[in-house]
Amino acid sequence: PWKVSQSGRRKQDYGPKVNFRKQKLKTAGFQGLPSFSR
């Protein structure tokens, strides 16, 4: 699935969930980069 994003883009994220303003991150749910990127 692609998620809708701003300015007409769609996105797929592979990474930790990050709050840049508070400088905090969570690893829950992050399973790594996709296999085709190896």
PDB file of all heavy atoms in Angstrom:
ATOM      1  N   PRO A   1       0.823  -1.223   0.000  1.00  0.00           N
ATOM      2  CA  PRO A   1       0.000   0.000   0.000  1.00  0.00           C
ATOM      3  C   PRO A   1       0.851   1.265   0.000  1.00  0.00           C
ATOM      4  O   PRO A   1       1.900   1.326   0.638  1.00  0.00           O
ATOM      5  CB  PRO A   1      -0.801  -0.125   1.302  1.00  0.00           C
ATOM      6  CG  PRO A   1       0.019  -1.018   2.178  1.00  0.00           C
ATOM      7  CD  PRO A   1       0.700  -1.986   1.269  1.00  0.00           C
ATOM      8  N   TRP A   2       0.382   2.264  -0.737  1.00  0.00           N
ATOM      9  CA  TRP A   2       0.965   3.603  -0.712  1.00  0.00           C
ATOM     10  C   TRP A   2       0.081   4.481   0.161  1.00  0.00           C
ATOM     11  O   TRP A   2      -1.139   4.415   0.077  1.00  0.00           O
ATOM     12  CB  TRP A   2       1.020   4.204  -2.115  1.00  0.00           C
ATOM     13  CG  TRP A   2       2.013   3.588  -3.052  1.00  0.00           C
ATOM     14  CD1 TRP A   2       1.786   2.567  -3.924  1.00  0.00           C
ATOM     15  CD2 TRP A   2       3.376   3.984  -3.241  1.00  0.00           C
ATOM     16  NE1 TRP A   2       2.931   2.295  -4.641  1.00  0.00           N
ATOM     17  CE2 TRP A   2       3.924   3.145  -4.244  1.00  0.00           C
ATOM     18  CE3 TRP A   2       4.185   4.960  -2.661  1.00  0.00           C
ATOM     19  CZ2 TRP A   2       5.247   3.257  -4.685  1.00  0.00           C
ATOM     20  CZ3 TRP A   2       5.500   5.082  -3.091  1.00  0.00           C
ATOM     21  CH2 TRP A   2       6.020   4.237  -4.086  1.00  0.00           C
ATOM     22  N   LYS A   3       0.682   5.318   0.979  1.00  0.00           N
ATOM     23  CA  LYS A   3      -0.051   6.270   1.797  1.00  0.00           C
ATOM     24  C   LYS A   3      -0.061   7.636   1.124  1.00  0.00           C
ATOM     25  O   LYS A   3       0.943   8.043   0.543  1.00  0.00           O
ATOM     26  CB  LYS A   3       0.587   6.396   3.187  1.00  0.00           C
ATOM     27  CG  LYS A   3       0.473   5.158   4.046  1.00  0.00           C
ATOM     28  CD  LYS A   3       1.062   5.405   5.423  1.00  0.00           C
ATOM     29  CE  LYS A   3       0.941   4.178   6.320  1.00  0.00           C
ATOM     30  NZ  LYS A   3       1.534   4.423   7.662  1.00  0.00           N
ATOM     31  N   VAL A   4      -1.188   8.332   1.223  1.00  0.00           N
ATOM     32  CA  VAL A   4      -1.230   9.686   0.677  1.00  0.00           C
ATOM     33  C   VAL A   4      -0.308  10.576   1.497  1.00  0.00           C
ATOM     34  O   VAL A   4      -0.165  10.407   2.718  1.00  0.00           O
ATOM     35  CB  VAL A   4      -2.658  10.260   0.660  1.00  0.00           C
ATOM     36  CG1 VAL A   4      -3.527   9.487  -0.290  1.00  0.00           C
ATOM     37  CG2 VAL A   4      -3.258  10.274   2.056  1.00  0.00           C
ATOM     38  N   SER A   5       0.338  11.523   0.827  1.00  0.00           N
ATOM     39  CA  SER A   5       1.235  12.453   1.484  1.00  0.00           C
ATOM     40  C   SER A   5       0.939  13.847   0.972  1.00  0.00           C
ATOM     41  O   SER A   5       0.010  14.052   0.179  1.00  0.00           O
ATOM     42  CB  SER A   5       2.696  12.056   1.218  1.00  0.00           C
ATOM     43  OG  SER A   5       3.587  12.862   1.967  1.00  0.00           O
ATOM     44  N   GLN A   6       1.740  14.815   1.393  1.00  0.00           N
ATOM     45  CA  GLN A   6       1.471  16.198   1.034  1.00  0.00           C
ATOM     46  C   GLN A   6       1.918  16.516  -0.391  1.00  0.00           C
ATOM     47  O   GLN A   6       2.739  15.814  -0.977  1.00  0.00           O
ATOM     48  CB  GLN A   6       2.170  17.127   2.027  1.00  0.00           C
ATOM     49  CG  GLN A   6       1.733  16.892   3.468  1.00  0.00           C
ATOM     50  CD  GLN A   6       1.920  18.108   4.336  1.00  0.00           C
ATOM     51  OE1 GLN A   6       1.260  19.130   4.151  1.00  0.00           O
ATOM     52  NE2 GLN A   6       2.813  18.018   5.296  1.00  0.00           N
ATOM     53  N   SER A   7       1.381  17.595  -0.924  1.00  0.00           N
ATOM     54  CA  SER A   7       1.768  18.131  -2.246  1.00  0.00           C
ATOM     55  C   SER A   7       1.665  17.089  -3.350  1.00  0.00           C
ATOM     56  O   SER A   7       2.494  17.041  -4.256  1.00  0.00           O
ATOM     57  CB  SER A   7       3.190  18.706  -2.185  1.00  0.00           C
ATOM     58  OG  SER A   7       3.275  19.724  -1.218  1.00  0.00           O
ATOM     59  N   GLY A   8       0.636  16.234  -3.279  1.00  0.00           N
ATOM     60  CA  GLY A   8       0.363  15.299  -4.359  1.00  0.00           C
ATOM     61  C   GLY A   8       1.244  14.072  -4.395  1.00  0.00           C
ATOM     62  O   GLY A   8       1.229  13.333  -5.380  1.00  0.00           O
ATOM     63  N   ARG A   9       2.012  13.840  -3.339  1.00  0.00           N
ATOM     64  CA  ARG A   9       2.875  12.665  -3.322  1.00  0.00           C
ATOM     65  C   ARG A   9       2.182  11.497  -2.622  1.00  0.00           C
ATOM     66  O   ARG A   9       1.234  11.673  -1.872  1.00  0.00           O
ATOM     67  CB  ARG A   9       4.198  12.958  -2.593  1.00  0.00           C
ATOM     68  CG  ARG A   9       4.972  14.128  -3.153  1.00  0.00           C
ATOM     69  CD  ARG A   9       6.309  14.283  -2.440  1.00  0.00           C
ATOM     70  NE  ARG A   9       6.210  14.393  -0.992  1.00  0.00           N
ATOM     71  CZ  ARG A   9       5.971  15.534  -0.344  1.00  0.00           C
ATOM     72  NH1 ARG A   9       5.810  16.662  -1.021  1.00  0.00           N
ATOM     73  NH2 ARG A   9       5.902  15.556   0.977  1.00  0.00           N
ATOM     74  N   ARG A  10       2.701  10.287  -2.886  1.00  0.00           N
ATOM     75  CA  ARG A  10       2.368   9.114  -2.088  1.00  0.00           C
ATOM     76  C   ARG A  10       3.678   8.588  -1.517  1.00  0.00           C
ATOM     77  O   ARG A  10       4.746   8.840  -2.078  1.00  0.00           O
ATOM     78  CB  ARG A  10       1.670   8.046  -2.928  1.00  0.00           C
ATOM     79  CG  ARG A  10       0.381   8.511  -3.576  1.00  0.00           C
ATOM     80  CD  ARG A  10      -0.365   7.362  -4.232  1.00  0.00           C
ATOM     81  NE  ARG A  10       0.471   6.666  -5.205  1.00  0.00           N
ATOM     82  CZ  ARG A  10       0.150   5.492  -5.756  1.00  0.00           C
ATOM     83  NH1 ARG A  10      -0.965   4.884  -5.391  1.00  0.00           N
ATOM     84  NH2 ARG A  10       0.940   4.926  -6.648  1.00  0.00           N
ATOM     85  N   LYS A  11       3.588   7.836  -0.416  1.00  0.00           N
ATOM     86  CA  LYS A  11       4.835   7.415   0.220  1.00  0.00           C
ATOM     87  C   LYS A  11       4.725   6.019   0.824  1.00  0.00           C
ATOM     88  O   LYS A  11       3.635   5.518   1.124  1.00  0.00           O
ATOM     89  CB  LYS A  11       5.252   8.406   1.308  1.00  0.00           C
ATOM     90  CG  LYS A  11       4.312   8.453   2.500  1.00  0.00           C
ATOM     91  CD  LYS A  11       4.810   9.447   3.553  1.00  0.00           C
ATOM     92  CE  LYS A  11       3.874   9.487   4.762  1.00  0.00           C
ATOM     93  NZ  LYS A  11       4.357  10.426   5.802  1.00  0.00           N
ATOM     94  N   GLN A  12       5.897   5.412   0.976  1.00  0.00           N
ATOM     95  CA  GLN A  12       6.073   4.173   1.729  1.00  0.00           C
ATOM     96  C   GLN A  12       7.300   4.377   2.622  1.00  0.00           C
ATOM     97  O   GLN A  12       8.374   4.705   2.123  1.00  0.00           O
ATOM     98  CB  GLN A  12       6.303   2.982   0.798  1.00  0.00           C
ATOM     99  CG  GLN A  12       5.105   2.624  -0.071  1.00  0.00           C
ATOM    100  CD  GLN A  12       5.430   1.527  -1.078  1.00  0.00           C
ATOM    101  OE1 GLN A  12       6.588   1.314  -1.423  1.00  0.00           O
ATOM    102  NE2 GLN A  12       4.400   0.847  -1.559  1.00  0.00           N
ATOM    103  N   ASP A  13       7.134   4.191   3.922  1.00  0.00           N
ATOM    104  CA  ASP A  13       8.231   4.398   4.863  1.00  0.00           C
ATOM    105  C   ASP A  13       8.714   3.067   5.428  1.00  0.00           C
ATOM    106  O   ASP A  13       7.907   2.239   5.868  1.00  0.00           O
ATOM    107  CB  ASP A  13       7.781   5.295   6.026  1.00  0.00           C
ATOM    108  CG  ASP A  13       7.621   6.745   5.606  1.00  0.00           C
ATOM    109  OD1 ASP A  13       8.471   7.232   4.850  1.00  0.00           O
ATOM    110  OD2 ASP A  13       6.641   7.389   6.035  1.00  0.00           O
ATOM    111  N   TYR A  14      10.017   2.893   5.417  1.00  0.00           N
ATOM    112  CA  TYR A  14      10.665   1.759   6.062  1.00  0.00           C
ATOM    113  C   TYR A  14      11.664   2.339   7.066  1.00  0.00           C
ATOM    114  O   TYR A  14      12.784   2.703   6.697  1.00  0.00           O
ATOM    115  CB  TYR A  14      11.411   0.893   5.055  1.00  0.00           C
ATOM    116  CG  TYR A  14      10.549   0.221   4.009  1.00  0.00           C
ATOM    117  CD1 TYR A  14      10.173   0.908   2.853  1.00  0.00           C
ATOM    118  CD2 TYR A  14      10.128  -1.094   4.156  1.00  0.00           C
ATOM    119  CE1 TYR A  14       9.390   0.293   1.877  1.00  0.00           C
ATOM    120  CE2 TYR A  14       9.345  -1.713   3.198  1.00  0.00           C
ATOM    121  CZ  TYR A  14       8.975  -1.013   2.058  1.00  0.00           C
ATOM    122  OH  TYR A  14       8.209  -1.613   1.097  1.00  0.00           O
ATOM    123  N   GLY A  15      11.249   2.460   8.305  1.00  0.00           N
ATOM    124  CA  GLY A  15      12.124   3.059   9.307  1.00  0.00           C
ATOM    125  C   GLY A  15      11.396   3.236  10.614  1.00  0.00           C
ATOM    126  O   GLY A  15      10.194   2.962  10.732  1.00  0.00           O
ATOM    127  N   PRO A  16      12.107   3.687  11.639  1.00  0.00           N
ATOM    128  CA  PRO A  16      11.459   3.924  12.939  1.00  0.00           C
ATOM    129  C   PRO A  16      10.483   5.090  12.860  1.00  0.00           C
ATOM    130  O   PRO A  16      10.611   5.966  12.002  1.00  0.00           O
ATOM    131  CB  PRO A  16      12.638   4.251  13.851  1.00  0.00           C
ATOM    132  CG  PRO A  16      13.672   4.835  12.938  1.00  0.00           C
ATOM    133  CD  PRO A  16      13.529   4.074  11.645  1.00  0.00           C
ATOM    134  N   LYS A  17       9.505   5.087  13.749  1.00  0.00           N
ATOM    135  CA  LYS A  17       8.603   6.229  13.857  1.00  0.00           C
ATOM    136  C   LYS A  17       9.304   7.311  14.661  1.00  0.00           C
ATOM    137  O   LYS A  17       9.779   7.061  15.761  1.00  0.00           O
ATOM    138  CB  LYS A  17       7.296   5.818  14.535  1.00  0.00           C
ATOM    139  CG  LYS A  17       6.455   4.867  13.694  1.00  0.00           C
ATOM    140  CD  LYS A  17       5.115   4.589  14.340  1.00  0.00           C
ATOM    141  CE  LYS A  17       4.262   3.691  13.452  1.00  0.00           C
ATOM    142  NZ  LYS A  17       2.928   3.406  14.064  1.00  0.00           N
ATOM    143  N   VAL A  18       9.373   8.510  14.092  1.00  0.00           N
ATOM    144  CA  VAL A  18      10.208   9.563  14.668  1.00  0.00           C
ATOM    145  C   VAL A  18       9.385  10.825  14.919  1.00  0.00           C
ATOM    146  O   VAL A  18       8.597  11.244  14.070  1.00  0.00           O
ATOM    147  CB  VAL A  18      11.390   9.901  13.733  1.00  0.00           C
ATOM    148  CG1 VAL A  18      12.322  10.910  14.404  1.00  0.00           C
ATOM    149  CG2 VAL A  18      12.167   8.647  13.345  1.00  0.00           C
ATOM    150  N   ASN A  19       9.592  11.424  16.077  1.00  0.00           N
ATOM    151  CA  ASN A  19       9.087  12.764  16.371  1.00  0.00           C
ATOM    152  C   ASN A  19      10.307  13.679  16.400  1.00  0.00           C
ATOM    153  O   ASN A  19      11.034  13.709  17.396  1.00  0.00           O
ATOM    154  CB  ASN A  19       8.347  12.789  17.716  1.00  0.00           C
ATOM    155  CG  ASN A  19       7.694  14.124  18.008  1.00  0.00           C
ATOM    156  OD1 ASN A  19       8.255  15.186  17.713  1.00  0.00           O
ATOM    157  ND2 ASN A  19       6.502  14.092  18.593  1.00  0.00           N
ATOM    158  N   PHE A  20      10.549  14.359  15.305  1.00  0.00           N
ATOM    159  CA  PHE A  20      11.767  15.169  15.193  1.00  0.00           C
ATOM    160  C   PHE A  20      11.726  16.384  16.125  1.00  0.00           C
ATOM    161  O   PHE A  20      12.767  16.809  16.618  1.00  0.00           O
ATOM    162  CB  PHE A  20      11.980  15.618  13.748  1.00  0.00           C
ATOM    163  CG  PHE A  20      12.328  14.483  12.830  1.00  0.00           C
ATOM    164  CD1 PHE A  20      11.404  13.987  11.923  1.00  0.00           C
ATOM    165  CD2 PHE A  20      13.588  13.896  12.871  1.00  0.00           C
ATOM    166  CE1 PHE A  20      11.721  12.943  11.082  1.00  0.00           C
ATOM    167  CE2 PHE A  20      13.923  12.853  12.034  1.00  0.00           C
ATOM    168  CZ  PHE A  20      12.979  12.365  11.136  1.00  0.00           C
ATOM    169  N   ARG A  21      10.543  16.916  16.362  1.00  0.00           N
ATOM    170  CA  ARG A  21      10.443  18.104  17.224  1.00  0.00           C
ATOM    171  C   ARG A  21      10.841  17.761  18.660  1.00  0.00           C
ATOM    172  O   ARG A  21      11.563  18.506  19.317  1.00  0.00           O
ATOM    173  CB  ARG A  21       9.018  18.671  17.169  1.00  0.00           C
ATOM    174  CG  ARG A  21       8.843  19.963  17.959  1.00  0.00           C
ATOM    175  CD  ARG A  21       7.443  20.529  17.753  1.00  0.00           C
ATOM    176  NE  ARG A  21       6.411  19.607  18.199  1.00  0.00           N
ATOM    177  CZ  ARG A  21       5.988  19.500  19.468  1.00  0.00           C
ATOM    178  NH1 ARG A  21       6.529  20.259  20.402  1.00  0.00           N
ATOM    179  NH2 ARG A  21       5.025  18.654  19.778  1.00  0.00           N
ATOM    180  N   LYS A  22      10.370  16.598  19.150  1.00  0.00           N
ATOM    181  CA  LYS A  22      10.695  16.169  20.514  1.00  0.00           C
ATOM    182  C   LYS A  22      11.960  15.320  20.567  1.00  0.00           C
ATOM    183  O   LYS A  22      12.416  14.949  21.654  1.00  0.00           O
ATOM    184  CB  LYS A  22       9.528  15.383  21.096  1.00  0.00           C
ATOM    185  CG  LYS A  22       8.254  16.196  21.278  1.00  0.00           C
ATOM    186  CD  LYS A  22       7.157  15.364  21.914  1.00  0.00           C
ATOM    187  CE  LYS A  22       5.885  16.178  22.131  1.00  0.00           C
ATOM    188  NZ  LYS A  22       4.811  15.361  22.756  1.00  0.00           N
ATOM    189  N   GLN A  23      12.510  14.991  19.402  1.00  0.00           N
ATOM    190  CA  GLN A  23      13.706  14.145  19.293  1.00  0.00           C
ATOM    191  C   GLN A  23      13.495  12.822  20.034  1.00  0.00           C
ATOM    192  O   GLN A  23      14.254  12.420  20.903  1.00  0.00           O
ATOM    193  CB  GLN A  23      14.938  14.883  19.817  1.00  0.00           C
ATOM    194  CG  GLN A  23      15.323  16.080  18.951  1.00  0.00           C
ATOM    195  CD  GLN A  23      16.688  16.632  19.263  1.00  0.00           C
ATOM    196  OE1 GLN A  23      17.287  16.340  20.288  1.00  0.00           O
ATOM    197  NE2 GLN A  23      17.201  17.460  18.361  1.00  0.00           N
ATOM    198  N   LYS A  24      12.430  12.141  19.617  1.00  0.00           N
ATOM    199  CA  LYS A  24      12.124  10.823  20.150  1.00  0.00           C
ATOM    200  C   LYS A  24      11.786   9.884  19.000  1.00  0.00           C
ATOM    201  O   LYS A  24      11.296  10.320  17.958  1.00  0.00           O
ATOM    202  CB  LYS A  24      10.948  10.887  21.129  1.00  0.00           C
ATOM    203  CG  LYS A  24      11.227  11.669  22.405  1.00  0.00           C
ATOM    204  CD  LYS A  24      10.032  11.634  23.341  1.00  0.00           C
ATOM    205  CE  LYS A  24      10.330  12.385  24.635  1.00  0.00           C
ATOM    206  NZ  LYS A  24       9.163  12.346  25.567  1.00  0.00           N
ATOM    207  N   LEU A  25      12.068   8.582  19.198  1.00  0.00           N
ATOM    208  CA  LEU A  25      11.732   7.607  18.161  1.00  0.00           C
ATOM    209  C   LEU A  25      11.297   6.298  18.799  1.00  0.00           C
ATOM    210  O   LEU A  25      11.619   6.000  19.948  1.00  0.00           O
ATOM    211  CB  LEU A  25      12.903   7.388  17.206  1.00  0.00           C
ATOM    212  CG  LEU A  25      14.208   6.814  17.736  1.00  0.00           C
ATOM    213  CD1 LEU A  25      14.183   5.292  17.774  1.00  0.00           C
ATOM    214  CD2 LEU A  25      15.384   7.277  16.878  1.00  0.00           C
ATOM    215  N   LYS A  26      10.545   5.512  18.010  1.00  0.00           N
ATOM    216  CA  LYS A  26      10.077   4.202  18.435  1.00  0.00           C
ATOM    217  C   LYS A  26      10.452   3.171  17.372  1.00  0.00           C
ATOM    218  O   LYS A  26      10.288   3.416  16.175  1.00  0.00           O
ATOM    219  CB  LYS A  26       8.564   4.219  18.640  1.00  0.00           C
ATOM    220  CG  LYS A  26       8.078   5.146  19.747  1.00  0.00           C
ATOM    221  CD  LYS A  26       6.560   5.102  19.861  1.00  0.00           C
ATOM    222  CE  LYS A  26       6.065   6.035  20.966  1.00  0.00           C
ATOM    223  NZ  LYS A  26       4.570   6.009  21.075  1.00  0.00           N
ATOM    224  N   THR A  27      10.926   2.026  17.823  1.00  0.00           N
ATOM    225  CA  THR A  27      11.289   0.960  16.880  1.00  0.00           C
ATOM    226  C   THR A  27      10.150  -0.021  16.658  1.00  0.00           C
ATOM    227  O   THR A  27      10.231  -0.865  15.759  1.00  0.00           O
ATOM    228  CB  THR A  27      12.514   0.186  17.385  1.00  0.00           C
ATOM    229  OG1 THR A  27      12.206  -0.384  18.664  1.00  0.00           O
ATOM    230  CG2 THR A  27      13.716   1.112  17.539  1.00  0.00           C
ATOM    231  N   ALA A  28       9.093   0.074  17.449  1.00  0.00           N
ATOM    232  CA  ALA A  28       7.976  -0.868  17.344  1.00  0.00           C
ATOM    233  C   ALA A  28       7.400  -0.870  15.932  1.00  0.00           C
ATOM    234  O   ALA A  28       7.074   0.180  15.376  1.00  0.00           O
ATOM    235  CB  ALA A  28       6.893  -0.498  18.355  1.00  0.00           C
ATOM    236  N   GLY A  29       7.301  -2.052  15.348  1.00  0.00           N
ATOM    237  CA  GLY A  29       6.747  -2.188  14.015  1.00  0.00           C
ATOM    238  C   GLY A  29       7.767  -2.116  12.900  1.00  0.00           C
ATOM    239  O   GLY A  29       7.492  -2.521  11.769  1.00  0.00           O
ATOM    240  N   PHE A  30       8.952  -1.596  13.194  1.00  0.00           N
ATOM    241  CA  PHE A  30      10.000  -1.491  12.177  1.00  0.00           C
ATOM    242  C   PHE A  30      10.675  -2.850  12.018  1.00  0.00           C
ATOM    243  O   PHE A  30      11.243  -3.390  12.964  1.00  0.00           O
ATOM    244  CB  PHE A  30      11.018  -0.428  12.591  1.00  0.00           C
ATOM    245  CG  PHE A  30      12.174  -0.264  11.645  1.00  0.00           C
ATOM    246  CD1 PHE A  30      12.001  -0.377  10.268  1.00  0.00           C
ATOM    247  CD2 PHE A  30      13.446   0.028  12.120  1.00  0.00           C
ATOM    248  CE1 PHE A  30      13.068  -0.218   9.392  1.00  0.00           C
ATOM    249  CE2 PHE A  30      14.512   0.195  11.264  1.00  0.00           C
ATOM    250  CZ  PHE A  30      14.327   0.065   9.898  1.00  0.00           C
ATOM    251  N   GLN A  31      10.607  -3.404  10.810  1.00  0.00           N
ATOM    252  CA  GLN A  31      11.142  -4.731  10.528  1.00  0.00           C
ATOM    253  C   GLN A  31      12.327  -4.708   9.570  1.00  0.00           C
ATOM    254  O   GLN A  31      12.841  -5.749   9.184  1.00  0.00           O
ATOM    255  CB  GLN A  31      10.038  -5.632   9.959  1.00  0.00           C
ATOM    256  CG  GLN A  31       8.881  -5.850  10.921  1.00  0.00           C
ATOM    257  CD  GLN A  31       7.770  -6.665  10.296  1.00  0.00           C
ATOM    258  OE1 GLN A  31       7.379  -6.441   9.145  1.00  0.00           O
ATOM    259  NE2 GLN A  31       7.270  -7.632  11.047  1.00  0.00           N
ATOM    260  N   GLY A  32      12.752  -3.522   9.183  1.00  0.00           N
ATOM    261  CA  GLY A  32      13.907  -3.427   8.303  1.00  0.00           C
ATOM    262  C   GLY A  32      13.577  -2.863   6.942  1.00  0.00           C
ATOM    263  O   GLY A  32      12.419  -2.583   6.612  1.00  0.00           O
ATOM    264  N   LEU A  33      14.619  -2.681   6.124  1.00  0.00           N
ATOM    265  CA  LEU A  33      14.428  -2.269   4.744  1.00  0.00           C
ATOM    266  C   LEU A  33      13.799  -3.420   3.961  1.00  0.00           C
ATOM    267  O   LEU A  33      13.899  -4.581   4.368  1.00  0.00           O
ATOM    268  CB  LEU A  33      15.769  -1.880   4.109  1.00  0.00           C
ATOM    269  CG  LEU A  33      16.592  -0.781   4.789  1.00  0.00           C
ATOM    270  CD1 LEU A  33      17.761  -0.380   3.886  1.00  0.00           C
ATOM    271  CD2 LEU A  33      15.757   0.418   5.141  1.00  0.00           C
ATOM    272  N   PRO A  34      13.173  -3.139   2.816  1.00  0.00           N
ATOM    273  CA  PRO A  34      12.567  -4.217   2.036  1.00  0.00           C
ATOM    274  C   PRO A  34      13.627  -5.125   1.409  1.00  0.00           C
ATOM    275  O   PRO A  34      14.759  -4.698   1.169  1.00  0.00           O
ATOM    276  CB  PRO A  34      11.770  -3.466   0.962  1.00  0.00           C
ATOM    277  CG  PRO A  34      12.467  -2.153   0.830  1.00  0.00           C
ATOM    278  CD  PRO A  34      12.957  -1.815   2.201  1.00  0.00           C
ATOM    279  N   SER A  35      13.248  -6.348   1.132  1.00  0.00           N
ATOM    280  CA  SER A  35      14.204  -7.331   0.605  1.00  0.00           C
ATOM    281  C   SER A  35      14.802  -6.901  -0.723  1.00  0.00           C
ATOM    282  O   SER A  35      15.969  -7.186  -1.007  1.00  0.00           O
ATOM    283  CB  SER A  35      13.515  -8.687   0.459  1.00  0.00           C
ATOM    284  OG  SER A  35      12.391  -8.593  -0.414  1.00  0.00           O
ATOM    285  N   PHE A  36      14.030  -6.161  -1.555  1.00  0.00           N
ATOM    286  CA  PHE A  36      14.541  -5.805  -2.882  1.00  0.00           C
ATOM    287  C   PHE A  36      15.623  -4.730  -2.822  1.00  0.00           C
ATOM    288  O   PHE A  36      16.257  -4.442  -3.840  1.00  0.00           O
ATOM    289  CB  PHE A  36      13.396  -5.354  -3.811  1.00  0.00           C
ATOM    290  CG  PHE A  36      12.618  -4.153  -3.349  1.00  0.00           C
ATOM    291  CD1 PHE A  36      13.114  -2.867  -3.513  1.00  0.00           C
ATOM    292  CD2 PHE A  36      11.372  -4.309  -2.757  1.00  0.00           C
ATOM    293  CE1 PHE A  36      12.385  -1.757  -3.101  1.00  0.00           C
ATOM    294  CE2 PHE A  36      10.635  -3.208  -2.338  1.00  0.00           C
ATOM    295  CZ  PHE A  36      11.149  -1.928  -2.513  1.00  0.00           C
ATOM    296  N   SER A  37      15.843  -4.153  -1.637  1.00  0.00           N
ATOM    297  CA  SER A  37      16.887  -3.134  -1.511  1.00  0.00           C
ATOM    298  C   SER A  37      18.244  -3.729  -1.140  1.00  0.00           C
ATOM    299  O   SER A  37      19.251  -3.019  -1.149  1.00  0.00           O
ATOM    300  CB  SER A  37      16.497  -2.086  -0.461  1.00  0.00           C
ATOM    301  OG  SER A  37      15.390  -1.333  -0.893  1.00  0.00           O
ATOM    302  N   ARG A  38      18.297  -5.005  -0.835  1.00  0.00           N
ATOM    303  CA  ARG A  38      19.554  -5.622  -0.423  1.00  0.00           C
ATOM    304  C   ARG A  38      20.636  -5.451  -1.487  1.00  0.00           C
ATOM    305  O   ARG A  38      21.771  -5.069  -1.193  1.00  0.00           O
ATOM    306  CB  ARG A  38      19.348  -7.114  -0.128  1.00  0.00           C
ATOM    307  CG  ARG A  38      20.599  -7.799   0.417  1.00  0.00           C
ATOM    308  CD  ARG A  38      20.388  -9.303   0.522  1.00  0.00           C
ATOM    309  NE  ARG A  38      19.358  -9.650   1.471  1.00  0.00           N
ATOM    310  CZ  ARG A  38      19.575  -9.868   2.770  1.00  0.00           C
ATOM    311  NH1 ARG A  38      20.798  -9.763   3.266  1.00  0.00           N
ATOM    312  NH2 ARG A  38      18.569 -10.210   3.571  1.00  0.00           N
TER     313      ARG A  38
END
